[in-house]
Amino acid sequence: MTTQPFNVLFLCTGNSARSIMAEAILNEVGNGRFHAYSAGSHPKGKVHPETLCLLQKMGTNTSDLRSKSWDEFAAGPPFDFIFTVCDNAAGEACPLWSGEPVTAHWSIPDPAAVKGTPGVVAVAFKDAYRALQQRISLFAALPLAALDSASLQTKLNEIAKAAARA
């Protein structure tokens, strides 16, 4: 593992909801130990309005959040970790990333795909946020410098499984 801060990339197809939330959460709970980024294979071009609304209600500054292509990151910075948060992105052929990132897939249902009343949609976004916050908090608490690559990979996979059961 490199020295801190660790560069972390969250990937999703549209980069409008889940990966954006993950970026914002890790940048807040990481206490300067991480630089979180997000991107999409086929970005929507704008952050979903419900994502922005939820993050703002949580007290997050959303002014720098934007939907962007993973092509922006193909040449760097070197990443220590890359997480896919949607099943579509996990199955796609990704660019070659700078660095030697440890990767994991943390499947989160897509709140942007939920149809229904504004209340139903808001609940879907809150559920995605809670799931991401749980996983990211567990990740941020890991003693990263003390773990070898195999142990770290095991821990990241355990976080995905434990959070999925919760």
Foldseek 3Di string as FASTA:
>chain_A
DDAFQAEEEEEDAALAALRLLLQQLCVVPLPRSYRYYYAHQHHPFAHDPLRVVVCVVVVTDCPPRTYHHCVVQLVDDAHQEYEYADPVVVPDDDHHGHHDHQYDYQHQDDLVPDDDDPVSSNVSRVRSSVLSNQLSNQVSPDPVVPDDNVRNNVSNHVSSVVSVVD
